Amino acid sequence: MKPERWINPFERAVGPPPQTLMAFLRWCLGGAMPVIGLGAFVSALAGLLEVATALMLGWVIDAAIGSDMQSYFSTNLWLLVGVGAFFVILRPVILGLSGMFQGVVLGPALNNLVLSRLHRHSLGQSVTFFDNDFAGRIAQKQMQGARATTDFVVDMIQTVAYALASLVGSVVSAADD
């Protein structure tokens, strides 16, 4: 299945939207949590890659300092191949996956999921619900709510999961020395 289809943007919500923020977020994002969790995991993995980047550069520099330049490449061939593979293959793949989750999987699907749930809830209202409202105001609030919820989830994954993994990885790395 294509990544952009991992979240069904038209899945029905259970019941009306709740009145508290956290319950509302759970209502909006219901059914998408496994994919959101996977996106957070990939973002955290990308954060750990930043720590690994610093470690590997340190290994290369330490190897350069500890050996003569005549035999540096022959002595440290596997280190250099491993570091090269990390920077050319692994790091771009993980960072690309992280970007894909945020820009292709989560962003568009979550926005449509929340928007369709809010719109479906509005369609179930009586005519008097719309009587004392300006034209377009309800649709505008639906759009704003969907966008805010999507931005919140994607930014939390992008910032908090990434930064927390980088911080924890740095602390573990520093404590190991």
N, C-alpha and C. Protein backbone atom coordinates (compact mmCIF):
# COMPACT_ATOMS: atom_id res chain seq x y z
N MET A 1 0.84 -1.18 0.00
CA MET A 1 0.00 0.00 0.00
C MET A 1 0.89 1.24 0.00
N LYS A 2 0.48 2.24 -0.74
CA LYS A 2 1.24 3.48 -0.84
C LYS A 2 1.28 4.18 0.52
N PRO A 3 2.41 4.83 0.85
CA PRO A 3 2.53 5.51 2.16
C PRO A 3 1.45 6.56 2.40
N GLU A 4 1.04 7.26 1.34
CA GLU A 4 0.03 8.29 1.53
C GLU A 4 -1.35 7.72 1.84
N ARG A 5 -1.48 6.40 1.78
CA ARG A 5 -2.74 5.73 2.08
C ARG A 5 -2.70 5.00 3.43
N TRP A 6 -1.64 5.17 4.19
CA TRP A 6 -1.53 4.47 5.48
C TRP A 6 -2.57 4.95 6.48
N ILE A 7 -3.02 6.17 6.32
CA ILE A 7 -4.08 6.72 7.18
C ILE A 7 -5.31 6.91 6.29
N ASN A 8 -6.43 6.35 6.71
CA ASN A 8 -7.66 6.53 5.96
C ASN A 8 -8.24 7.90 6.32
N PRO A 9 -8.19 8.87 5.41
CA PRO A 9 -8.62 10.22 5.76
C PRO A 9 -10.13 10.37 5.91
N PHE A 10 -10.88 9.34 5.57
CA PHE A 10 -12.33 9.45 5.67
C PHE A 10 -12.91 8.46 6.68
N GLU A 11 -12.06 7.96 7.57
CA GLU A 11 -12.54 7.05 8.62
C GLU A 11 -13.47 7.82 9.56
N ARG A 12 -14.57 7.21 9.89
CA ARG A 12 -15.56 7.88 10.74
C ARG A 12 -15.10 7.91 12.20
N ALA A 13 -15.45 9.00 12.87
CA ALA A 13 -15.16 9.15 14.29
C ALA A 13 -16.27 8.48 15.10
N VAL A 14 -15.93 8.16 16.32
CA VAL A 14 -16.91 7.56 17.24
C VAL A 14 -17.51 8.68 18.07
N GLY A 15 -18.78 8.98 17.85
CA GLY A 15 -19.48 9.98 18.64
C GLY A 15 -19.15 11.40 18.23
N PRO A 16 -19.72 12.36 18.97
CA PRO A 16 -19.46 13.78 18.69
C PRO A 16 -18.10 14.20 19.24
N PRO A 17 -17.58 15.34 18.80
CA PRO A 17 -16.29 15.81 19.34
C PRO A 17 -16.41 16.19 20.81
N PRO A 18 -15.46 15.77 21.63
CA PRO A 18 -15.49 16.11 23.06
C PRO A 18 -15.16 17.58 23.30
N GLN A 19 -15.36 18.02 24.52
CA GLN A 19 -15.18 19.42 24.87
C GLN A 19 -13.78 19.75 25.39
N THR A 20 -13.02 18.77 25.87
CA THR A 20 -11.68 19.05 26.39
C THR A 20 -10.64 18.83 25.30
N LEU A 21 -9.50 19.49 25.43
CA LEU A 21 -8.49 19.49 24.37
C LEU A 21 -7.94 18.10 24.09
N MET A 22 -7.46 17.41 25.10
CA MET A 22 -6.86 16.09 24.87
C MET A 22 -7.86 15.09 24.33
N ALA A 23 -9.08 15.13 24.85
CA ALA A 23 -10.12 14.23 24.34
C ALA A 23 -10.46 14.59 22.88
N PHE A 24 -10.46 15.88 22.57
CA PHE A 24 -10.71 16.32 21.20
C PHE A 24 -9.61 15.83 20.27
N LEU A 25 -8.36 15.93 20.70
CA LEU A 25 -7.24 15.44 19.88
C LEU A 25 -7.34 13.93 19.66
N ARG A 26 -7.70 13.19 20.70
CA ARG A 26 -7.87 11.74 20.55
C ARG A 26 -9.01 11.44 19.57
N TRP A 27 -10.09 12.23 19.66
CA TRP A 27 -11.23 12.05 18.75
C TRP A 27 -10.80 12.34 17.31
N CYS A 28 -10.07 13.42 17.12
CA CYS A 28 -9.63 13.80 15.78
C CYS A 28 -8.66 12.79 15.18
N LEU A 29 -7.76 12.26 15.99
CA LEU A 29 -6.67 11.42 15.49
C LEU A 29 -6.93 9.94 15.67
N GLY A 30 -8.12 9.58 16.12
CA GLY A 30 -8.44 8.17 16.34
C GLY A 30 -8.23 7.34 15.09
N GLY A 31 -7.55 6.22 15.25
CA GLY A 31 -7.25 5.34 14.13
C GLY A 31 -5.93 5.64 13.45
N ALA A 32 -5.37 6.82 13.68
CA ALA A 32 -4.11 7.20 13.04
C ALA A 32 -2.92 7.07 13.99
N MET A 33 -3.18 6.71 15.24
CA MET A 33 -2.10 6.68 16.23
C MET A 33 -0.95 5.72 15.90
N PRO A 34 -1.21 4.52 15.36
CA PRO A 34 -0.06 3.66 15.02
C PRO A 34 0.87 4.30 13.99
N VAL A 35 0.31 4.98 13.00
CA VAL A 35 1.14 5.63 11.98
C VAL A 35 1.84 6.85 12.57
N ILE A 36 1.15 7.57 13.44
CA ILE A 36 1.78 8.71 14.12
C ILE A 36 2.94 8.22 14.98
N GLY A 37 2.74 7.12 15.68
CA GLY A 37 3.81 6.53 16.49
C GLY A 37 5.00 6.10 15.64
N LEU A 38 4.73 5.52 14.49
CA LEU A 38 5.81 5.12 13.59
C LEU A 38 6.55 6.35 13.07
N GLY A 39 5.82 7.40 12.77
CA GLY A 39 6.46 8.65 12.35
C GLY A 39 7.33 9.24 13.44
N ALA A 40 6.86 9.17 14.69
CA ALA A 40 7.66 9.67 15.82
C ALA A 40 8.91 8.81 16.00
N PHE A 41 8.78 7.50 15.81
CA PHE A 41 9.94 6.61 15.92
C PHE A 41 10.99 6.93 14.87
N VAL A 42 10.56 7.14 13.63
CA VAL A 42 11.50 7.46 12.55
C VAL A 42 12.15 8.82 12.80
N SER A 43 11.40 9.78 13.31
CA SER A 43 11.96 11.09 13.64
C SER A 43 12.97 10.98 14.78
N ALA A 44 12.66 10.14 15.77
CA ALA A 44 13.61 9.93 16.86
C ALA A 44 14.87 9.23 16.35
N LEU A 45 14.71 8.32 15.43
CA LEU A 45 15.86 7.65 14.83
C LEU A 45 16.73 8.66 14.09
N ALA A 46 16.10 9.60 13.41
CA ALA A 46 16.84 10.66 12.73
C ALA A 46 17.58 11.53 13.74
N GLY A 47 16.98 11.78 14.89
CA GLY A 47 17.67 12.53 15.95
C GLY A 47 18.88 11.78 16.48
N LEU A 48 18.75 10.46 16.61
CA LEU A 48 19.89 9.66 17.06
C LEU A 48 21.01 9.63 16.02
N LEU A 49 20.63 9.76 14.75
CA LEU A 49 21.65 9.82 13.69
C LEU A 49 22.56 11.03 13.85
N GLU A 50 22.03 12.11 14.37
CA GLU A 50 22.86 13.29 14.58
C GLU A 50 23.94 13.02 15.63
N VAL A 51 23.58 12.28 16.65
CA VAL A 51 24.56 11.90 17.66
C VAL A 51 25.58 10.94 17.05
N ALA A 52 25.10 9.99 16.26
CA ALA A 52 26.00 9.04 15.60
C ALA A 52 26.94 9.76 14.64
N THR A 53 26.46 10.82 14.00
CA THR A 53 27.30 11.61 13.10
C THR A 53 28.49 12.19 13.85
N ALA A 54 28.21 12.78 15.00
CA ALA A 54 29.29 13.36 15.80
C ALA A 54 30.26 12.28 16.28
N LEU A 55 29.71 11.15 16.71
CA LEU A 55 30.57 10.06 17.16
C LEU A 55 31.49 9.56 16.04
N MET A 56 30.93 9.35 14.87
CA MET A 56 31.72 8.83 13.76
C MET A 56 32.79 9.81 13.30
N LEU A 57 32.45 11.08 13.27
CA LEU A 57 33.47 12.07 12.93
C LEU A 57 34.58 12.09 13.97
N GLY A 58 34.21 11.90 15.23
CA GLY A 58 35.21 11.80 16.29
C GLY A 58 36.11 10.59 16.11
N TRP A 59 35.53 9.45 15.70
CA TRP A 59 36.33 8.24 15.46
C TRP A 59 37.34 8.47 14.33
N VAL A 60 36.89 9.13 13.27
CA VAL A 60 37.78 9.39 12.13
C VAL A 60 38.91 10.33 12.55
N ILE A 61 38.58 11.36 13.31
CA ILE A 61 39.61 12.29 13.77
C ILE A 61 40.57 11.61 14.74
N ASP A 62 40.03 10.81 15.67
CA ASP A 62 40.89 10.08 16.60
C ASP A 62 41.82 9.13 15.87
N ALA A 63 41.32 8.47 14.83
CA ALA A 63 42.16 7.56 14.06
C ALA A 63 43.24 8.32 13.31
N ALA A 64 42.92 9.53 12.84
CA ALA A 64 43.90 10.33 12.13
C ALA A 64 44.99 10.83 13.07
N ILE A 65 44.59 11.16 14.28
CA ILE A 65 45.57 11.65 15.25
C ILE A 65 46.47 10.52 15.74
N GLY A 66 45.91 9.34 15.86
CA GLY A 66 46.65 8.22 16.43
C GLY A 66 47.50 7.43 15.46
N SER A 67 47.55 7.81 14.19
CA SER A 67 48.36 7.03 13.24
C SER A 67 49.13 7.97 12.33
N ASP A 68 50.14 7.40 11.67
CA ASP A 68 50.88 8.23 10.72
C ASP A 68 50.11 8.29 9.41
N MET A 69 50.30 9.33 8.68
CA MET A 69 49.51 9.57 7.47
C MET A 69 49.89 8.64 6.33
N GLN A 70 51.04 8.00 6.41
CA GLN A 70 51.46 7.07 5.35
C GLN A 70 50.56 5.83 5.34
N SER A 71 50.19 5.35 6.53
CA SER A 71 49.40 4.12 6.61
C SER A 71 47.96 4.35 7.09
N TYR A 72 47.53 5.60 7.11
CA TYR A 72 46.20 5.91 7.64
C TYR A 72 45.08 5.18 6.90
N PHE A 73 45.10 5.24 5.58
CA PHE A 73 44.02 4.64 4.80
C PHE A 73 44.04 3.12 4.86
N SER A 74 45.22 2.54 4.84
CA SER A 74 45.28 1.07 4.91
C SER A 74 44.92 0.57 6.31
N THR A 75 45.30 1.29 7.33
CA THR A 75 44.99 0.88 8.70
C THR A 75 43.51 1.07 9.03
N ASN A 76 42.92 2.12 8.54
CA ASN A 76 41.54 2.47 8.90
C ASN A 76 40.55 2.30 7.75
N LEU A 77 40.84 1.37 6.84
CA LEU A 77 40.00 1.19 5.66
C LEU A 77 38.56 0.87 6.04
N TRP A 78 38.33 -0.07 6.95
CA TRP A 78 36.97 -0.47 7.30
C TRP A 78 36.23 0.62 8.07
N LEU A 79 36.96 1.38 8.85
CA LEU A 79 36.35 2.53 9.52
C LEU A 79 35.85 3.53 8.49
N LEU A 80 36.70 3.84 7.52
CA LEU A 80 36.33 4.81 6.49
C LEU A 80 35.20 4.30 5.60
N VAL A 81 35.20 3.01 5.28
CA VAL A 81 34.11 2.43 4.48
C VAL A 81 32.80 2.50 5.27
N GLY A 82 32.85 2.15 6.57
CA GLY A 82 31.65 2.20 7.40
C GLY A 82 31.11 3.61 7.55
N VAL A 83 32.00 4.57 7.77
CA VAL A 83 31.59 5.96 7.90
C VAL A 83 31.04 6.47 6.57
N GLY A 84 31.69 6.10 5.47
CA GLY A 84 31.19 6.50 4.15
C GLY A 84 29.82 5.93 3.87
N ALA A 85 29.60 4.65 4.21
CA ALA A 85 28.29 4.02 4.01
C ALA A 85 27.24 4.69 4.88
N PHE A 86 27.63 5.05 6.09
CA PHE A 86 26.70 5.75 6.98
C PHE A 86 26.25 7.07 6.36
N PHE A 87 27.21 7.87 5.88
CA PHE A 87 26.89 9.19 5.34
C PHE A 87 26.26 9.15 3.95
N VAL A 88 26.56 8.14 3.17
CA VAL A 88 26.05 8.09 1.80
C VAL A 88 24.76 7.28 1.69
N ILE A 89 24.58 6.28 2.57
CA ILE A 89 23.42 5.40 2.44
C ILE A 89 22.46 5.55 3.62
N LEU A 90 22.90 5.20 4.82
CA LEU A 90 22.00 5.12 5.97
C LEU A 90 21.40 6.47 6.35
N ARG A 91 22.23 7.46 6.51
CA ARG A 91 21.75 8.77 6.95
C ARG A 91 20.76 9.39 5.97
N PRO A 92 21.04 9.41 4.65
CA PRO A 92 20.03 9.95 3.73
C PRO A 92 18.73 9.15 3.72
N VAL A 93 18.82 7.83 3.87
CA VAL A 93 17.60 7.01 3.87
C VAL A 93 16.74 7.34 5.07
N ILE A 94 17.33 7.40 6.26
CA ILE A 94 16.56 7.68 7.48
C ILE A 94 16.01 9.11 7.46
N LEU A 95 16.82 10.08 7.06
CA LEU A 95 16.33 11.45 7.00
C LEU A 95 15.25 11.60 5.92
N GLY A 96 15.39 10.87 4.82
CA GLY A 96 14.36 10.88 3.78
C GLY A 96 13.06 10.26 4.28
N LEU A 97 13.16 9.15 5.03
CA LEU A 97 11.97 8.54 5.62
C LEU A 97 11.28 9.49 6.59
N SER A 98 12.08 10.18 7.38
CA SER A 98 11.52 11.13 8.33
C SER A 98 10.77 12.25 7.60
N GLY A 99 11.38 12.77 6.56
CA GLY A 99 10.72 13.81 5.76
C GLY A 99 9.48 13.28 5.06
N MET A 100 9.54 12.03 4.60
CA MET A 100 8.38 11.44 3.94
C MET A 100 7.21 11.30 4.92
N PHE A 101 7.50 10.86 6.14
CA PHE A 101 6.43 10.72 7.12
C PHE A 101 5.77 12.06 7.39
N GLN A 102 6.58 13.11 7.52
CA GLN A 102 6.01 14.40 7.86
C GLN A 102 5.30 15.06 6.69
N GLY A 103 5.86 14.94 5.49
CA GLY A 103 5.30 15.66 4.36
C GLY A 103 4.33 14.88 3.49
N VAL A 104 4.42 13.54 3.50
CA VAL A 104 3.58 12.74 2.62
C VAL A 104 2.56 11.91 3.39
N VAL A 105 3.01 11.28 4.47
CA VAL A 105 2.13 10.36 5.20
C VAL A 105 1.26 11.12 6.19
N LEU A 106 1.86 11.90 7.07
CA LEU A 106 1.10 12.50 8.17
C LEU A 106 0.40 13.80 7.79
N GLY A 107 1.12 14.74 7.23
CA GLY A 107 0.55 16.06 6.98
C GLY A 107 -0.76 16.04 6.20
N PRO A 108 -0.75 15.56 4.97
CA PRO A 108 -1.99 15.59 4.18
C PRO A 108 -3.10 14.69 4.74
N ALA A 109 -2.73 13.49 5.17
CA ALA A 109 -3.76 12.55 5.64
C ALA A 109 -4.40 13.02 6.94
N LEU A 110 -3.60 13.54 7.87
CA LEU A 110 -4.19 14.00 9.13
C LEU A 110 -5.08 15.21 8.91
N ASN A 111 -4.67 16.10 8.04
CA ASN A 111 -5.49 17.27 7.75
C ASN A 111 -6.84 16.83 7.18
N ASN A 112 -6.82 15.93 6.24
CA ASN A 112 -8.08 15.45 5.65
C ASN A 112 -8.90 14.64 6.65
N LEU A 113 -8.24 13.86 7.50
CA LEU A 113 -8.95 13.08 8.51
C LEU A 113 -9.71 13.99 9.46
N VAL A 114 -9.02 14.97 10.02
CA VAL A 114 -9.67 15.88 10.97
C VAL A 114 -10.75 16.70 10.27
N LEU A 115 -10.46 17.19 9.08
CA LEU A 115 -11.43 18.00 8.35
C LEU A 115 -12.69 17.20 8.02
N SER A 116 -12.52 15.96 7.59
CA SER A 116 -13.70 15.16 7.26
C SER A 116 -14.51 14.84 8.50
N ARG A 117 -13.85 14.62 9.64
CA ARG A 117 -14.59 14.34 10.87
C ARG A 117 -15.36 15.56 11.35
N LEU A 118 -14.73 16.72 11.31
CA LEU A 118 -15.41 17.95 11.72
C LEU A 118 -16.57 18.27 10.77
N HIS A 119 -16.33 18.10 9.49
CA HIS A 119 -17.38 18.38 8.51
C HIS A 119 -18.55 17.41 8.67
N ARG A 120 -18.25 16.15 8.86
CA ARG A 120 -19.31 15.15 9.03
C ARG A 120 -20.14 15.46 10.28
N HIS A 121 -19.46 15.92 11.35
CA HIS A 121 -20.19 16.30 12.56
C HIS A 121 -21.11 17.49 12.28
N SER A 122 -20.64 18.46 11.51
CA SER A 122 -21.46 19.63 11.19
C SER A 122 -22.66 19.27 10.34
N LEU A 123 -22.48 18.31 9.45
CA LEU A 123 -23.60 17.90 8.59
C LEU A 123 -24.74 17.29 9.39
N GLY A 124 -24.45 16.75 10.56
CA GLY A 124 -25.48 16.12 11.37
C GLY A 124 -26.28 17.09 12.22
N GLN A 125 -26.03 18.38 12.11
CA GLN A 125 -26.72 19.37 12.94
C GLN A 125 -28.07 19.76 12.32
N SER A 126 -28.92 20.28 13.16
CA SER A 126 -30.23 20.76 12.68
C SER A 126 -30.05 22.10 11.97
N VAL A 127 -31.08 22.52 11.26
CA VAL A 127 -31.02 23.78 10.52
C VAL A 127 -30.85 24.97 11.46
N THR A 128 -31.44 24.90 12.65
CA THR A 128 -31.32 26.02 13.59
C THR A 128 -29.88 26.23 14.05
N PHE A 129 -29.05 25.19 13.97
CA PHE A 129 -27.62 25.31 14.32
C PHE A 129 -26.94 26.35 13.43
N PHE A 130 -27.39 26.47 12.19
CA PHE A 130 -26.76 27.37 11.22
C PHE A 130 -27.45 28.72 11.11
N ASP A 131 -28.59 28.88 11.78
CA ASP A 131 -29.39 30.10 11.60
C ASP A 131 -28.68 31.37 12.03
N ASN A 132 -28.05 31.39 13.17
CA ASN A 132 -27.44 32.61 13.70
C ASN A 132 -25.93 32.67 13.45
N ASP A 133 -25.49 32.16 12.33
CA ASP A 133 -24.07 32.12 12.03
C ASP A 133 -23.80 32.78 10.69
N PHE A 134 -22.67 33.46 10.60
CA PHE A 134 -22.29 34.09 9.34
C PHE A 134 -21.92 33.00 8.33
N ALA A 135 -22.14 33.30 7.08
CA ALA A 135 -21.83 32.33 6.02
C ALA A 135 -20.33 32.05 5.99
N GLY A 136 -19.98 30.81 5.98
CA GLY A 136 -18.58 30.41 5.89
C GLY A 136 -17.84 30.32 7.20
N ARG A 137 -18.40 30.84 8.28
CA ARG A 137 -17.69 30.84 9.55
C ARG A 137 -17.45 29.42 10.07
N ILE A 138 -18.43 28.56 9.92
CA ILE A 138 -18.29 27.18 10.39
C ILE A 138 -17.24 26.45 9.55
N ALA A 139 -17.29 26.65 8.25
CA ALA A 139 -16.29 26.01 7.38
C ALA A 139 -14.89 26.53 7.69
N GLN A 140 -14.79 27.83 7.98
CA GLN A 140 -13.49 28.40 8.34
C GLN A 140 -12.96 27.79 9.63
N LYS A 141 -13.81 27.60 10.61
CA LYS A 141 -13.39 27.00 11.87
C LYS A 141 -12.98 25.54 11.68
N GLN A 142 -13.67 24.84 10.79
CA GLN A 142 -13.28 23.47 10.48
C GLN A 142 -11.89 23.44 9.86
N MET A 143 -11.65 24.32 8.91
CA MET A 143 -10.34 24.38 8.25
C MET A 143 -9.25 24.74 9.24
N GLN A 144 -9.52 25.72 10.10
CA GLN A 144 -8.53 26.13 11.09
C GLN A 144 -8.27 25.01 12.10
N GLY A 145 -9.30 24.33 12.53
CA GLY A 145 -9.13 23.23 13.49
C GLY A 145 -8.33 22.08 12.90
N ALA A 146 -8.63 21.75 11.65
CA ALA A 146 -7.89 20.67 10.99
C ALA A 146 -6.43 21.04 10.80
N ARG A 147 -6.19 22.26 10.36
CA ARG A 147 -4.81 22.71 10.14
C ARG A 147 -4.03 22.79 11.45
N ALA A 148 -4.65 23.31 12.49
CA ALA A 148 -3.97 23.43 13.78
C ALA A 148 -3.65 22.06 14.36
N THR A 149 -4.57 21.13 14.26
CA THR A 149 -4.33 19.79 14.77
C THR A 149 -3.20 19.11 14.00
N THR A 150 -3.23 19.23 12.69
CA THR A 150 -2.18 18.64 11.86
C THR A 150 -0.83 19.26 12.16
N ASP A 151 -0.77 20.57 12.21
CA ASP A 151 0.49 21.25 12.51
C ASP A 151 1.02 20.86 13.89
N PHE A 152 0.13 20.74 14.86
CA PHE A 152 0.54 20.35 16.21
C PHE A 152 1.19 18.97 16.19
N VAL A 153 0.54 18.01 15.56
CA VAL A 153 1.07 16.64 15.54
C VAL A 153 2.40 16.58 14.79
N VAL A 154 2.44 17.16 13.60
CA VAL A 154 3.67 17.10 12.80
C VAL A 154 4.80 17.85 13.49
N ASP A 155 4.53 19.00 14.07
CA ASP A 155 5.57 19.76 14.77
C ASP A 155 6.05 19.05 16.03
N MET A 156 5.13 18.40 16.73
CA MET A 156 5.55 17.64 17.92
C MET A 156 6.47 16.49 17.51
N ILE A 157 6.13 15.81 16.45
CA ILE A 157 6.97 14.71 15.98
C ILE A 157 8.31 15.25 15.49
N GLN A 158 8.25 16.29 14.68
CA GLN A 158 9.44 16.85 14.06
C GLN A 158 10.37 17.47 15.10
N THR A 159 9.83 18.14 16.07
CA THR A 159 10.65 18.86 17.03
C THR A 159 10.92 18.05 18.29
N VAL A 160 9.87 17.61 18.94
CA VAL A 160 10.04 16.98 20.25
C VAL A 160 10.69 15.61 20.14
N ALA A 161 10.18 14.75 19.26
CA ALA A 161 10.76 13.40 19.14
C ALA A 161 12.21 13.49 18.67
N TYR A 162 12.48 14.33 17.69
CA TYR A 162 13.83 14.50 17.16
C TYR A 162 14.77 15.06 18.22
N ALA A 163 14.34 16.15 18.87
CA ALA A 163 15.19 16.80 19.86
C ALA A 163 15.39 15.93 21.09
N LEU A 164 14.34 15.26 21.53
CA LEU A 164 14.45 14.39 22.71
C LEU A 164 15.40 13.23 22.44
N ALA A 165 15.30 12.64 21.26
CA ALA A 165 16.21 11.55 20.91
C ALA A 165 17.65 12.05 20.81
N SER A 166 17.84 13.23 20.25
CA SER A 166 19.18 13.81 20.17
C SER A 166 19.74 14.08 21.56
N LEU A 167 18.91 14.61 22.44
CA LEU A 167 19.34 14.91 23.80
C LEU A 167 19.70 13.64 24.56
N VAL A 168 18.82 12.66 24.52
CA VAL A 168 19.07 11.40 25.23
C VAL A 168 20.31 10.72 24.66
N GLY A 169 20.43 10.69 23.33
CA GLY A 169 21.61 10.09 22.71
C GLY A 169 22.89 10.81 23.10
N SER A 170 22.85 12.13 23.19
CA SER A 170 24.03 12.90 23.59
C SER A 170 24.41 12.62 25.03
N VAL A 171 23.41 12.55 25.90
CA VAL A 171 23.68 12.27 27.31
C VAL A 171 24.28 10.86 27.47
N VAL A 172 23.72 9.90 26.77
CA VAL A 172 24.24 8.53 26.84
C VAL A 172 25.65 8.48 26.29
N SER A 173 25.89 9.18 25.18
CA SER A 173 27.21 9.21 24.59
C SER A 173 28.23 9.88 25.52
N ALA A 174 27.84 10.97 26.14
CA ALA A 174 28.74 11.66 27.05
C ALA A 174 29.00 10.86 28.32
N ALA A 175 27.98 10.15 28.79
CA ALA A 175 28.14 9.33 30.00
C ALA A 175 28.98 8.11 29.74
N ASP A 176 29.01 7.65 28.48
CA ASP A 176 29.78 6.47 28.12
C ASP A 176 31.27 6.74 28.16
N ASP A 177 31.68 7.98 27.93
CA ASP A 177 33.12 8.31 27.90
C ASP A 177 33.71 8.47 29.24
